[in-house]
Amino acid sequence: MTRTSLSIGFALVALAPFGALADSQAMITQANNIKWAAAPPSLPKGAQIAVLSGDPGKEGPFVMRLKFPAGYKVPAHMHPADENATVISGTLNFAMGDKLDPKKGEALKPGSYFHMPKGMRHYAWATQETVVQVNGIGPWGITYVNAADDPRKTN
């Protein structure tokens, strides 16, 4: 192989991800067109979900928003993949640990961001209606630290 063909080969490999982006479709969603639905049973009742891109239940990237009513709590849990979240509105109180403790944590205001590595135990609660955007690589899931906190088992 000549030096030129090696250089072209490396360039094509380096640019391959950008070709994949060119094949995907652009999407714009205005805030007033976001479709909210009841969150899955893996979350305590009262939350709503809007999947903006991808499918959190399948392999691949996704973007979803979760809307929590005032007084909503998500007990200590972890995820099977990294979680990246941004507070869109309201205030999300957030802490790491094995049990929800409202005396701990940090109040995250709109624009705040957090990253939770795969398996990191954490919990959250909202004192007012709060919307959080979660970006990740699916499949997304949730495992509660204390099995008794899992809403799927309290039906």
Protein backbone atom coordinates (compact mmCIF):
# COMPACT_ATOMS: atom_id res chain seq x y z
CA MET A 1 0.00 0.00 0.00
CA THR A 2 1.30 3.47 -0.78
CA ARG A 3 1.60 6.25 1.74
CA THR A 4 -1.16 8.17 -0.08
CA SER A 5 -3.66 5.30 0.10
CA LEU A 6 -2.88 4.83 3.80
CA SER A 7 -3.54 8.53 4.41
CA ILE A 8 -6.83 8.37 2.52
CA GLY A 9 -7.81 5.24 4.44
CA PHE A 10 -7.15 6.92 7.80
CA ALA A 11 -9.05 10.01 6.69
CA LEU A 12 -12.09 7.94 5.68
CA VAL A 13 -12.06 6.08 9.02
CA ALA A 14 -11.75 9.38 10.91
CA LEU A 15 -14.67 10.93 8.99
CA ALA A 16 -16.94 7.86 9.12
CA PRO A 17 -18.89 9.08 12.18
CA PHE A 18 -19.73 12.33 10.37
CA GLY A 19 -21.14 10.34 7.46
CA ALA A 20 -23.47 8.59 9.88
CA LEU A 21 -24.67 11.98 11.09
CA ALA A 22 -25.44 13.03 7.52
CA ASP A 23 -27.74 9.99 7.15
CA SER A 24 -29.81 10.82 10.24
CA GLN A 25 -32.76 13.15 10.02
CA ALA A 26 -32.88 16.60 11.53
CA MET A 27 -35.62 17.20 14.05
CA ILE A 28 -36.97 20.32 15.72
CA THR A 29 -39.53 20.22 18.51
CA GLN A 30 -41.04 23.40 19.90
CA ALA A 31 -41.69 23.30 23.66
CA ASN A 32 -45.46 23.65 23.18
CA ASN A 33 -45.46 20.57 20.89
CA ILE A 34 -43.82 18.19 23.37
CA LYS A 35 -46.14 15.23 24.00
CA TRP A 36 -46.21 14.18 27.66
CA ALA A 37 -47.40 10.78 28.88
CA ALA A 38 -47.43 8.92 32.17
CA ALA A 39 -43.91 7.80 33.07
CA PRO A 40 -43.20 4.06 33.00
CA PRO A 41 -44.07 1.96 36.08
CA SER A 42 -40.39 1.86 37.04
CA LEU A 43 -40.83 5.41 38.39
CA PRO A 44 -43.12 6.37 41.27
CA LYS A 45 -46.60 7.44 40.12
CA GLY A 46 -47.12 11.07 39.22
CA ALA A 47 -44.15 11.60 36.89
CA GLN A 48 -44.59 12.26 33.19
CA ILE A 49 -42.24 11.47 30.31
CA ALA A 50 -41.62 12.89 26.86
CA VAL A 51 -39.20 11.03 24.61
CA LEU A 52 -37.65 13.59 22.29
CA SER A 53 -35.24 11.36 20.39
CA GLY A 54 -34.38 7.68 20.19
CA ASP A 55 -35.88 5.00 22.41
CA PRO A 56 -34.67 4.73 26.03
CA GLY A 57 -35.67 1.05 26.07
CA LYS A 58 -33.43 0.10 23.15
CA GLU A 59 -29.72 0.19 22.34
CA GLY A 60 -28.53 3.60 21.16
CA PRO A 61 -28.67 7.26 22.09
CA PHE A 62 -31.83 8.85 23.46
CA VAL A 63 -33.11 12.14 24.85
CA MET A 64 -36.08 12.24 27.19
CA ARG A 65 -37.64 14.69 29.58
CA LEU A 66 -39.16 13.82 32.92
CA LYS A 67 -41.72 16.08 34.62
CA PHE A 68 -42.09 15.70 38.37
CA PRO A 69 -44.96 17.26 40.37
CA ALA A 70 -44.30 19.18 43.60
CA GLY A 71 -43.52 16.75 46.42
CA TYR A 72 -42.29 14.01 44.08
CA LYS A 73 -39.54 11.68 45.33
CA VAL A 74 -37.35 9.12 43.58
CA PRO A 75 -35.83 6.81 46.21
CA ALA A 76 -32.18 5.74 46.08
CA HIS A 77 -31.45 3.96 42.83
CA MET A 78 -28.89 3.41 40.09
CA HIS A 79 -28.82 2.99 36.32
CA PRO A 80 -27.18 0.38 34.05
CA ALA A 81 -25.48 3.12 32.00
CA ASP A 82 -24.22 6.66 32.53
CA GLU A 83 -26.91 9.28 33.03
CA ASN A 84 -26.54 12.90 31.90
CA ALA A 85 -29.24 15.30 33.03
CA THR A 86 -30.03 19.00 32.83
CA VAL A 87 -32.68 20.77 34.90
CA ILE A 88 -34.98 22.58 32.46
CA SER A 89 -37.39 24.16 34.96
CA GLY A 90 -38.16 24.04 38.68
CA THR A 91 -35.66 22.72 41.21
CA LEU A 92 -34.39 19.18 41.52
CA ASN A 93 -32.92 18.27 44.89
CA PHE A 94 -30.28 15.65 44.31
CA ALA A 95 -27.82 13.60 46.38
CA MET A 96 -25.75 10.43 46.33
CA GLY A 97 -26.41 7.64 48.80
CA ASP A 98 -28.34 4.52 49.68
CA LYS A 99 -31.41 6.18 51.26
CA LEU A 100 -33.37 9.32 50.45
CA ASP A 101 -32.48 11.95 53.05
CA PRO A 102 -34.06 15.39 52.42
CA LYS A 103 -31.54 16.98 54.81
CA LYS A 104 -28.75 16.17 52.34
CA GLY A 105 -28.30 16.98 48.72
CA GLU A 106 -28.06 20.02 46.57
CA ALA A 107 -30.84 22.11 45.01
CA LEU A 108 -30.27 22.17 41.25
CA LYS A 109 -31.88 25.14 39.51
CA PRO A 110 -32.69 25.51 35.78
CA GLY A 111 -29.58 25.09 33.66
CA SER A 112 -27.84 22.88 36.24
CA TYR A 113 -26.32 19.67 34.93
CA PHE A 114 -25.26 16.41 36.53
CA HIS A 115 -23.55 13.25 35.36
CA MET A 116 -24.07 9.96 37.17
CA PRO A 117 -21.74 7.13 36.20
CA LYS A 118 -23.19 3.68 35.67
CA GLY A 119 -24.07 2.09 39.02
CA MET A 120 -23.73 5.29 41.13
CA ARG A 121 -26.38 5.28 43.86
CA HIS A 122 -28.39 8.50 44.04
CA TYR A 123 -31.83 9.91 44.81
CA ALA A 124 -33.86 13.02 44.03
CA TRP A 125 -36.92 14.98 45.03
CA ALA A 126 -38.83 18.02 43.80
CA THR A 127 -40.50 20.62 46.00
CA GLN A 128 -42.13 22.27 42.97
CA GLU A 129 -43.02 21.08 39.48
CA THR A 130 -39.67 20.26 37.86
CA VAL A 131 -38.63 19.20 34.36
CA VAL A 132 -35.34 17.37 33.80
CA GLN A 133 -33.84 16.36 30.46
CA VAL A 134 -31.94 13.06 30.45
CA ASN A 135 -29.51 12.14 27.69
CA GLY A 136 -27.97 8.72 27.53
CA ILE A 137 -27.21 5.53 25.69
CA GLY A 138 -29.91 2.90 26.05
CA PRO A 139 -31.24 0.69 27.16
CA TRP A 140 -32.09 2.93 30.12
CA GLY A 141 -33.29 1.33 33.28
CA ILE A 142 -33.55 1.88 37.01
CA THR A 143 -32.69 -0.41 39.91
CA TYR A 144 -33.74 0.65 43.40
CA VAL A 145 -31.24 0.18 46.24
CA ASN A 146 -34.04 -1.04 48.49
CA ALA A 147 -36.32 -3.44 46.61
CA ALA A 148 -39.27 -2.27 48.75
CA ASP A 149 -38.96 1.19 47.09
CA ASP A 150 -39.50 -0.23 43.61
CA PRO A 151 -42.97 0.93 42.46
CA ARG A 152 -43.22 -2.08 40.15
CA LYS A 153 -43.43 -4.29 43.25
CA THR A 154 -46.06 -2.28 45.13
CA ASN A 155 -48.96 -2.81 42.73
